[in-house]
Amino acid sequence: MSTKIISWNVNGLRACVAKNTFYPFVEEEKPDILCLQETKLQEGQIDLLLNDYHAY
């Protein structure tokens, strides 16, 4: 059994979601652990709907 870990510096998650690159990437890669850096989000700006994932 292997574990797939992805660490992604998104440099602004709102822009990434707006360009429609975030969700397709996650669906295609199916990481077990997804680490996002530099999201530049304030609380409540967007709702991430990632089924089967827990946010920490």
N, C-alpha and C. Protein backbone atom coordinates (compact mmCIF):
# COMPACT_ATOMS: atom_id res chain seq x y z
N MET A 1 0.84 -1.18 0.00
CA MET A 1 0.00 0.00 0.00
C MET A 1 0.89 1.25 0.00
N SER A 2 0.54 2.22 -0.79
CA SER A 2 1.30 3.47 -0.85
C SER A 2 0.39 4.64 -0.48
N THR A 3 1.03 5.72 -0.08
CA THR A 3 0.32 6.95 0.28
C THR A 3 0.77 8.05 -0.66
N LYS A 4 -0.18 8.72 -1.28
CA LYS A 4 0.14 9.81 -2.20
C LYS A 4 -0.04 11.14 -1.48
N ILE A 5 1.07 11.89 -1.36
CA ILE A 5 1.06 13.19 -0.70
C ILE A 5 1.38 14.26 -1.72
N ILE A 6 0.55 15.29 -1.78
CA ILE A 6 0.80 16.41 -2.69
C ILE A 6 0.89 17.68 -1.85
N SER A 7 1.96 18.43 -2.07
CA SER A 7 2.14 19.74 -1.45
C SER A 7 2.12 20.75 -2.59
N TRP A 8 1.17 21.69 -2.52
CA TRP A 8 0.95 22.61 -3.65
C TRP A 8 0.95 24.05 -3.15
N ASN A 9 1.82 24.87 -3.68
CA ASN A 9 1.83 26.30 -3.40
C ASN A 9 0.89 26.94 -4.42
N VAL A 10 -0.34 27.17 -4.01
CA VAL A 10 -1.36 27.65 -4.95
C VAL A 10 -1.26 29.14 -5.25
N ASN A 11 -0.56 29.90 -4.39
CA ASN A 11 -0.38 31.34 -4.58
C ASN A 11 -1.71 32.06 -4.84
N GLY A 12 -2.68 31.78 -4.00
CA GLY A 12 -4.00 32.42 -4.11
C GLY A 12 -5.04 31.40 -4.54
N LEU A 13 -5.71 30.80 -3.59
CA LEU A 13 -6.65 29.72 -3.90
C LEU A 13 -7.90 30.21 -4.62
N ARG A 14 -8.36 31.42 -4.32
CA ARG A 14 -9.56 31.93 -5.01
C ARG A 14 -9.33 31.99 -6.52
N ALA A 15 -8.17 32.47 -6.94
CA ALA A 15 -7.86 32.55 -8.38
C ALA A 15 -7.77 31.16 -8.98
N CYS A 16 -7.19 30.24 -8.25
CA CYS A 16 -7.05 28.87 -8.73
C CYS A 16 -8.42 28.22 -8.94
N VAL A 17 -9.33 28.43 -7.99
CA VAL A 17 -10.69 27.89 -8.11
C VAL A 17 -11.42 28.58 -9.27
N ALA A 18 -11.25 29.89 -9.41
CA ALA A 18 -11.92 30.64 -10.48
C ALA A 18 -11.46 30.19 -11.87
N LYS A 19 -10.19 29.81 -11.99
CA LYS A 19 -9.66 29.34 -13.28
C LYS A 19 -10.05 27.90 -13.57
N ASN A 20 -10.77 27.29 -12.63
CA ASN A 20 -11.21 25.91 -12.76
C ASN A 20 -10.04 24.94 -12.90
N THR A 21 -8.97 25.17 -12.15
CA THR A 21 -7.84 24.25 -12.17
C THR A 21 -7.73 23.44 -10.88
N PHE A 22 -8.32 23.93 -9.79
CA PHE A 22 -8.15 23.26 -8.50
C PHE A 22 -8.89 21.93 -8.42
N TYR A 23 -10.20 21.95 -8.59
CA TYR A 23 -10.98 20.72 -8.43
C TYR A 23 -10.61 19.64 -9.45
N PRO A 24 -10.43 19.97 -10.74
CA PRO A 24 -10.01 18.93 -11.69
C PRO A 24 -8.67 18.29 -11.31
N PHE A 25 -7.73 19.11 -10.80
CA PHE A 25 -6.43 18.57 -10.39
C PHE A 25 -6.60 17.57 -9.25
N VAL A 26 -7.36 17.95 -8.23
CA VAL A 26 -7.56 17.06 -7.08
C VAL A 26 -8.28 15.79 -7.50
N GLU A 27 -9.29 15.91 -8.35
CA GLU A 27 -10.03 14.73 -8.81
C GLU A 27 -9.15 13.80 -9.63
N GLU A 28 -8.28 14.36 -10.44
CA GLU A 28 -7.41 13.54 -11.29
C GLU A 28 -6.30 12.86 -10.47
N GLU A 29 -5.68 13.61 -9.58
CA GLU A 29 -4.53 13.09 -8.82
C GLU A 29 -4.94 12.22 -7.64
N LYS A 30 -6.10 12.47 -7.06
CA LYS A 30 -6.62 11.71 -5.92
C LYS A 30 -5.58 11.51 -4.81
N PRO A 31 -5.05 12.60 -4.27
CA PRO A 31 -4.05 12.44 -3.20
C PRO A 31 -4.68 11.95 -1.90
N ASP A 32 -3.93 11.18 -1.14
CA ASP A 32 -4.37 10.78 0.19
C ASP A 32 -4.24 11.95 1.16
N ILE A 33 -3.18 12.73 0.98
CA ILE A 33 -2.94 13.93 1.78
C ILE A 33 -2.67 15.08 0.83
N LEU A 34 -3.39 16.18 1.01
CA LEU A 34 -3.22 17.37 0.17
C LEU A 34 -2.87 18.55 1.06
N CYS A 35 -1.67 19.10 0.87
CA CYS A 35 -1.20 20.25 1.66
C CYS A 35 -1.20 21.47 0.76
N LEU A 36 -1.89 22.52 1.19
CA LEU A 36 -1.98 23.75 0.39
C LEU A 36 -1.26 24.88 1.10
N GLN A 37 -0.36 25.54 0.39
CA GLN A 37 0.38 26.67 0.94
C GLN A 37 -0.02 27.94 0.19
N GLU A 38 0.13 29.07 0.87
CA GLU A 38 -0.14 30.40 0.31
C GLU A 38 -1.53 30.50 -0.31
N THR A 39 -2.53 30.07 0.44
CA THR A 39 -3.91 30.15 -0.06
C THR A 39 -4.40 31.59 -0.09
N LYS A 40 -3.85 32.44 0.77
CA LYS A 40 -4.22 33.86 0.86
C LYS A 40 -5.72 34.06 1.09
N LEU A 41 -6.31 33.16 1.84
CA LEU A 41 -7.75 33.23 2.11
C LEU A 41 -8.02 33.83 3.48
N GLN A 42 -9.08 34.59 3.54
CA GLN A 42 -9.65 35.02 4.81
C GLN A 42 -10.81 34.07 5.12
N GLU A 43 -11.12 33.91 6.37
CA GLU A 43 -12.20 33.01 6.76
C GLU A 43 -13.50 33.41 6.07
N GLY A 44 -14.18 32.44 5.46
CA GLY A 44 -15.46 32.67 4.82
C GLY A 44 -15.41 33.15 3.38
N GLN A 45 -14.22 33.32 2.79
CA GLN A 45 -14.15 33.82 1.41
C GLN A 45 -14.66 32.80 0.40
N ILE A 46 -14.29 31.55 0.57
CA ILE A 46 -14.81 30.51 -0.31
C ILE A 46 -15.08 29.26 0.52
N ASP A 47 -15.96 28.42 0.03
CA ASP A 47 -16.22 27.13 0.66
C ASP A 47 -15.59 26.05 -0.21
N LEU A 48 -14.62 25.36 0.34
CA LEU A 48 -14.02 24.25 -0.39
C LEU A 48 -14.85 23.01 -0.17
N LEU A 49 -15.30 22.42 -1.23
CA LEU A 49 -16.09 21.20 -1.15
C LEU A 49 -15.23 20.03 -1.60
N LEU A 50 -14.50 19.47 -0.66
CA LEU A 50 -13.65 18.32 -0.96
C LEU A 50 -14.18 17.13 -0.18
N ASN A 51 -14.98 16.32 -0.85
CA ASN A 51 -15.54 15.15 -0.20
C ASN A 51 -14.41 14.20 0.19
N ASP A 52 -14.58 13.54 1.31
CA ASP A 52 -13.62 12.55 1.82
C ASP A 52 -12.32 13.15 2.31
N TYR A 53 -12.25 14.47 2.49
CA TYR A 53 -11.05 15.12 3.04
C TYR A 53 -11.44 15.88 4.30
N HIS A 54 -10.47 16.01 5.20
CA HIS A 54 -10.64 16.77 6.44
C HIS A 54 -9.68 17.94 6.41
N ALA A 55 -10.13 19.10 6.81
CA ALA A 55 -9.27 20.29 6.83
C ALA A 55 -8.69 20.48 8.23
N TYR A 56 -7.42 20.84 8.25
CA TYR A 56 -6.72 21.12 9.51
C TYR A 56 -6.01 22.43 9.41
